Structures are given as C-alpha cells and as structure tokens.
C-alpha atoms as a PDB file:
ATOM      1  CA  UNK A   1      -0.283  -0.182   0.014  1.00  0.00           C
ATOM      2  CA  UNK A   2       1.430   3.258  -0.967  1.00  0.00           C
ATOM      3  CA  UNK A   3       1.223   6.202   1.686  1.00  0.00           C
ATOM      4  CA  UNK A   4       2.014   9.736   1.250  1.00  0.00           C
ATOM      5  CA  UNK A   5       1.828  12.330   3.674  1.00  0.00           C
ATOM      6  CA  UNK A   6       1.830  15.978   3.000  1.00  0.00           C
ATOM      7  CA  UNK A   7       2.369  18.875   5.838  1.00  0.00           C
ATOM      8  CA  UNK A   8       1.485  22.089   5.020  1.00  0.00           C
ATOM      9  CA  UNK A   9       0.750  25.011   7.973  1.00  0.00           C
ATOM     10  CA  UNK A  10      -1.064  27.099   5.516  1.00  0.00           C
ATOM     11  CA  UNK A  11      -3.822  24.664   4.879  1.00  0.00           C
ATOM     12  CA  UNK A  12      -7.438  26.020   6.343  1.00  0.00           C
ATOM     13  CA  UNK A  13      -8.570  22.496   7.208  1.00  0.00           C
ATOM     14  CA  UNK A  14      -6.981  19.021   7.476  1.00  0.00           C
ATOM     15  CA  UNK A  15      -8.519  16.261   5.750  1.00  0.00           C
ATOM     16  CA  UNK A  16      -7.545  12.810   4.671  1.00  0.00           C
ATOM     17  CA  UNK A  17      -8.664  10.846   1.488  1.00  0.00           C
ATOM     18  CA  UNK A  18      -8.260   7.185   0.787  1.00  0.00           C
ATOM     19  CA  UNK A  19      -8.298   5.298  -2.284  1.00  0.00           C
ATOM     20  CA  UNK A  20      -9.328   1.604  -1.505  1.00  0.00           C
ATOM     21  CA  UNK A  21     -10.175  -1.198  -3.509  1.00  0.00           C
ATOM     22  CA  UNK A  22     -12.532  -2.492  -0.731  1.00  0.00           C
ATOM     23  CA  UNK A  23     -13.432  -1.621   2.336  1.00  0.00           C
ATOM     24  CA  UNK A  24     -11.949  -4.383   4.877  1.00  0.00           C
ATOM     25  CA  UNK A  25     -11.712  -4.625   8.694  1.00  0.00           C
ATOM     26  CA  UNK A  26      -8.092  -3.290   8.951  1.00  0.00           C
ATOM     27  CA  UNK A  27      -9.362   0.039   6.873  1.00  0.00           C
ATOM     28  CA  UNK A  28     -12.555   0.266   9.011  1.00  0.00           C
ATOM     29  CA  UNK A  29     -10.505   0.165  11.893  1.00  0.00           C
ATOM     30  CA  UNK A  30      -8.397   3.035  10.889  1.00  0.00           C
ATOM     31  CA  UNK A  31     -11.151   5.139   9.775  1.00  0.00           C
ATOM     32  CA  UNK A  32     -12.690   4.301  13.223  1.00  0.00           C
ATOM     33  CA  UNK A  33      -9.741   5.897  14.640  1.00  0.00           C
ATOM     34  CA  UNK A  34      -9.611   9.065  13.027  1.00  0.00           C
ATOM     35  CA  UNK A  35     -13.169   9.661  13.757  1.00  0.00           C
ATOM     36  CA  UNK A  36     -13.194   8.756  17.633  1.00  0.00           C
ATOM     37  CA  UNK A  37     -14.191  11.477  18.778  1.00  0.00           C
ATOM     38  CA  UNK A  38     -16.911  11.812  16.583  1.00  0.00           C
ATOM     39  CA  UNK A  39     -20.057   9.283  16.280  1.00  0.00           C
ATOM     40  CA  UNK A  40     -20.529   8.269  12.605  1.00  0.00           C
ATOM     41  CA  UNK A  41     -21.423   5.461  10.424  1.00  0.00           C
ATOM     42  CA  UNK A  42     -19.290   4.818   7.460  1.00  0.00           C
ATOM     43  CA  UNK A  43     -21.863   4.143   4.469  1.00  0.00           C
ATOM     44  CA  UNK A  44     -21.629   3.535   0.800  1.00  0.00           C
ATOM     45  CA  UNK A  45     -23.058   6.317  -1.645  1.00  0.00           C
ATOM     46  CA  UNK A  46     -22.576   4.193  -5.170  1.00  0.00           C
ATOM     47  CA  UNK A  47     -18.599   3.470  -4.967  1.00  0.00           C
ATOM     48  CA  UNK A  48     -17.628   6.514  -2.108  1.00  0.00           C
ATOM     49  CA  UNK A  49     -17.656   5.827   1.668  1.00  0.00           C
ATOM     50  CA  UNK A  50     -18.608   8.541   3.368  1.00  0.00           C
ATOM     51  CA  UNK A  51     -18.810   9.447   7.397  1.00  0.00           C
ATOM     52  CA  UNK A  52     -22.359   9.939   8.123  1.00  0.00           C
ATOM     53  CA  UNK A  53     -23.045  11.465  11.694  1.00  0.00           C
ATOM     54  CA  UNK A  54     -25.652   9.963  14.092  1.00  0.00           C
ATOM     55  CA  UNK A  55     -27.357  13.083  14.547  1.00  0.00           C
ATOM     56  CA  UNK A  56     -28.061  13.574  10.728  1.00  0.00           C
ATOM     57  CA  UNK A  57     -29.738   9.917  10.592  1.00  0.00           C
ATOM     58  CA  UNK A  58     -33.606  10.225  10.138  1.00  0.00           C
ATOM     59  CA  UNK A  59     -34.135   6.131   9.903  1.00  0.00           C
ATOM     60  CA  UNK A  60     -32.210   3.065   9.714  1.00  0.00           C
ATOM     61  CA  UNK A  61     -34.205   0.164   7.674  1.00  0.00           C
ATOM     62  CA  UNK A  62     -32.934  -3.416   6.933  1.00  0.00           C
ATOM     63  CA  UNK A  63     -31.963  -4.222   3.648  1.00  0.00           C
ATOM     64  CA  UNK A  64     -31.546  -7.160   1.712  1.00  0.00           C
ATOM     65  CA  UNK A  65     -27.449  -7.466   2.471  1.00  0.00           C
ATOM     66  CA  UNK A  66     -26.882  -4.680   4.940  1.00  0.00           C
ATOM     67  CA  UNK A  67     -28.723  -1.351   6.183  1.00  0.00           C
ATOM     68  CA  UNK A  68     -30.383   1.460   4.456  1.00  0.00           C
ATOM     69  CA  UNK A  69     -29.477   4.811   6.119  1.00  0.00           C
ATOM     70  CA  UNK A  70     -32.092   7.817   5.115  1.00  0.00           C
ATOM     71  CA  UNK A  71     -30.916  11.286   6.071  1.00  0.00           C
ATOM     72  CA  UNK A  72     -32.717  14.440   5.294  1.00  0.00           C
ATOM     73  CA  UNK A  73     -32.497  14.319   1.695  1.00  0.00           C
ATOM     74  CA  UNK A  74     -30.514  11.290   0.761  1.00  0.00           C
ATOM     75  CA  UNK A  75     -30.364   7.416   1.292  1.00  0.00           C
ATOM     76  CA  UNK A  76     -26.904   5.419   1.873  1.00  0.00           C
ATOM     77  CA  UNK A  77     -25.796   1.877   2.590  1.00  0.00           C
ATOM     78  CA  UNK A  78     -24.014   0.710   5.452  1.00  0.00           C
ATOM     79  CA  UNK A  79     -22.476  -2.847   5.012  1.00  0.00           C
ATOM     80  CA  UNK A  80     -23.664  -4.603   8.195  1.00  0.00           C
ATOM     81  CA  UNK A  81     -26.708  -5.845   9.513  1.00  0.00           C
ATOM     82  CA  UNK A  82     -29.011  -3.614  11.477  1.00  0.00           C
ATOM     83  CA  UNK A  83     -29.221  -6.476  14.178  1.00  0.00           C
ATOM     84  CA  UNK A  84     -25.159  -6.487  14.713  1.00  0.00           C
ATOM     85  CA  UNK A  85     -25.167  -2.988  15.745  1.00  0.00           C
ATOM     86  CA  UNK A  86     -28.544  -1.832  16.789  1.00  0.00           C
ATOM     87  CA  UNK A  87     -27.810  -1.917  20.283  1.00  0.00           C
ATOM     88  CA  UNK A  88     -24.421   0.224  19.791  1.00  0.00           C
ATOM     89  CA  UNK A  89     -27.012   3.206  18.339  1.00  0.00           C
ATOM     90  CA  UNK A  90     -27.032   6.494  20.653  1.00  0.00           C
ATOM     91  CA  UNK A  91     -29.973   6.526  23.081  1.00  0.00           C
ATOM     92  CA  UNK A  92     -31.810   9.064  20.462  1.00  0.00           C
ATOM     93  CA  UNK A  93     -32.646   6.094  18.380  1.00  0.00           C
ATOM     94  CA  UNK A  94     -35.990   4.507  19.151  1.00  0.00           C
ATOM     95  CA  UNK A  95     -37.108   0.957  17.367  1.00  0.00           C
ATOM     96  CA  UNK A  96     -40.463   0.867  15.148  1.00  0.00           C
ATOM     97  CA  UNK A  97     -40.234  -2.425  14.366  1.00  0.00           C
ATOM     98  CA  UNK A  98     -37.549  -5.295  14.339  1.00  0.00           C
ATOM     99  CA  UNK A  99     -36.605  -3.694  11.051  1.00  0.00           C
ATOM    100  CA  UNK A 100     -36.790  -0.276  11.363  1.00  0.00           C
ATOM    101  CA  UNK A 101     -35.115   1.968  14.135  1.00  0.00           C
ATOM    102  CA  UNK A 102     -35.653   5.923  14.026  1.00  0.00           C
ATOM    103  CA  UNK A 103     -34.011   9.216  15.434  1.00  0.00           C
ATOM    104  CA  UNK A 104     -37.008  10.348  17.518  1.00  0.00           C
ATOM    105  CA  UNK A 105     -35.687  13.882  16.886  1.00  0.00           C
ATOM    106  CA  UNK A 106     -37.109  14.154  13.896  1.00  0.00           C
ATOM    107  CA  UNK A 107     -40.384  12.561  14.856  1.00  0.00           C
ATOM    108  CA  UNK A 108     -43.233  15.229  13.772  1.00  0.00           C
ATOM    109  CA  UNK A 109     -46.606  13.514  14.352  1.00  0.00           C
ATOM    110  CA  UNK A 110     -47.850  10.526  16.041  1.00  0.00           C
ATOM    111  CA  UNK A 111     -51.127   9.328  14.436  1.00  0.00           C
ATOM    112  CA  UNK A 112     -54.340   8.815  17.364  1.00  0.00           C
ATOM    113  CA  UNK A 113     -53.911   5.104  16.846  1.00  0.00           C
ATOM    114  CA  UNK A 114     -50.238   5.604  17.836  1.00  0.00           C
ATOM    115  CA  UNK A 115     -49.291   3.034  15.175  1.00  0.00           C
ATOM    116  CA  UNK A 116     -47.630   5.451  12.381  1.00  0.00           C
ATOM    117  CA  UNK A 117     -44.889   8.142  12.805  1.00  0.00           C
ATOM    118  CA  UNK A 118     -44.001  10.613  10.255  1.00  0.00           C
ATOM    119  CA  UNK A 119     -40.274  12.069  10.486  1.00  0.00           C
ATOM    120  CA  UNK A 120     -39.640  15.727   9.581  1.00  0.00           C
ATOM    121  CA  UNK A 121     -38.232  14.761   6.047  1.00  0.00           C
ATOM    122  CA  UNK A 122     -41.410  13.066   5.370  1.00  0.00           C
ATOM    123  CA  UNK A 123     -40.909   9.368   5.820  1.00  0.00           C
ATOM    124  CA  UNK A 124     -43.613   7.416   7.144  1.00  0.00           C
ATOM    125  CA  UNK A 125     -42.635   4.693   9.713  1.00  0.00           C
ATOM    126  CA  UNK A 126     -45.219   1.720  11.151  1.00  0.00           C
ATOM    127  CA  UNK A 127     -44.464   1.181  14.851  1.00  0.00           C
ATOM    128  CA  UNK A 128     -44.884  -1.956  15.986  1.00  0.00           C
ATOM    129  CA  UNK A 129     -47.761  -2.426  18.579  1.00  0.00           C
ATOM    130  CA  UNK A 130     -44.516  -4.134  20.760  1.00  0.00           C
ATOM    131  CA  UNK A 131     -42.471  -0.735  20.071  1.00  0.00           C
ATOM    132  CA  UNK A 132     -45.332   1.699  21.226  1.00  0.00           C
ATOM    133  CA  UNK A 133     -44.425   1.581  24.821  1.00  0.00           C
ATOM    134  CA  UNK A 134     -40.882   2.210  24.536  1.00  0.00           C
ATOM    135  CA  UNK A 135     -41.713   4.969  22.156  1.00  0.00           C
ATOM    136  CA  UNK A 136     -44.206   6.712  24.678  1.00  0.00           C
ATOM    137  CA  UNK A 137     -41.515   6.371  27.649  1.00  0.00           C
ATOM    138  CA  UNK A 138     -38.874   7.958  25.493  1.00  0.00           C
ATOM    139  CA  UNK A 139     -41.699  10.826  24.392  1.00  0.00           C
ATOM    140  CA  UNK A 140     -42.603  11.343  27.762  1.00  0.00           C
ATOM    141  CA  UNK A 141     -46.205  10.342  27.459  1.00  0.00           C
END
C-alpha cells in the first residue's frame, strides 16, 4: 500500500483521502481511529464511502445485504446488518419494529392510533405495537 503525507501549515482545514479497492476490517478500524471523537457510520454512496454523523440520520432500515441509512435528503447503504449494531446506537434512536429504527428528534406527528410516525423529512414509519411502550416512555407520554 502506498502512503503519502503532506505537511502544510497554511492549509485551512486538515483532511484525509483514502483510495482503496474494498472496505476491509483493517481500513474500517483505521477510519474509526480517525473519527473516534465523532460518532459516525461509514456508509456507501455508490462507489464512495462517506462518514454519516448519527445526529444526521433519520432512519435505519433492514436491507437485503446490510442497512439502508436515510438522512434528510439522501439514502446511503451500510454494509452491516442492523441487528449487529442496533444496540450500539445512541439513545436518540427508537425501534419502530424489528426492521426499522428511527431518530426520535425528527418525529413530527403521531397518529391517533399511535401506529404511524411521520419524520420531518416526510418519511412514514410503521410503529410495531410491541414498540409503542418504548416510544411513549422516550417521549414522556
């Protein structure tokens, strides 16, 4: 692997760029080391890997081979199953069902039946009846 490091005291903002053939555990650990002060998920957007901060995530949904990550105006893909990292999510996330978790800070409206949630990005989420108690507790209802 080729590594270049350029030191320039005049640059406005420090940044790193990696060009890799594929994401592997070593690269993943390296990236986590650079972002240890920020909580992020390294998500795919076509052929790019982009850090997505947890506060920017509206919804996480089970996908065929990983997890779909929805932000305000974009959908990303995370190559790990939701069930593998669901317990590591910040407290801002509530399980809507076994296949969907959402950031309750973006909750806009709860239907009278307390089954549908609408996030501020317009996304509709079905709340499982088993998860309503957790949602009410988190919202102080």
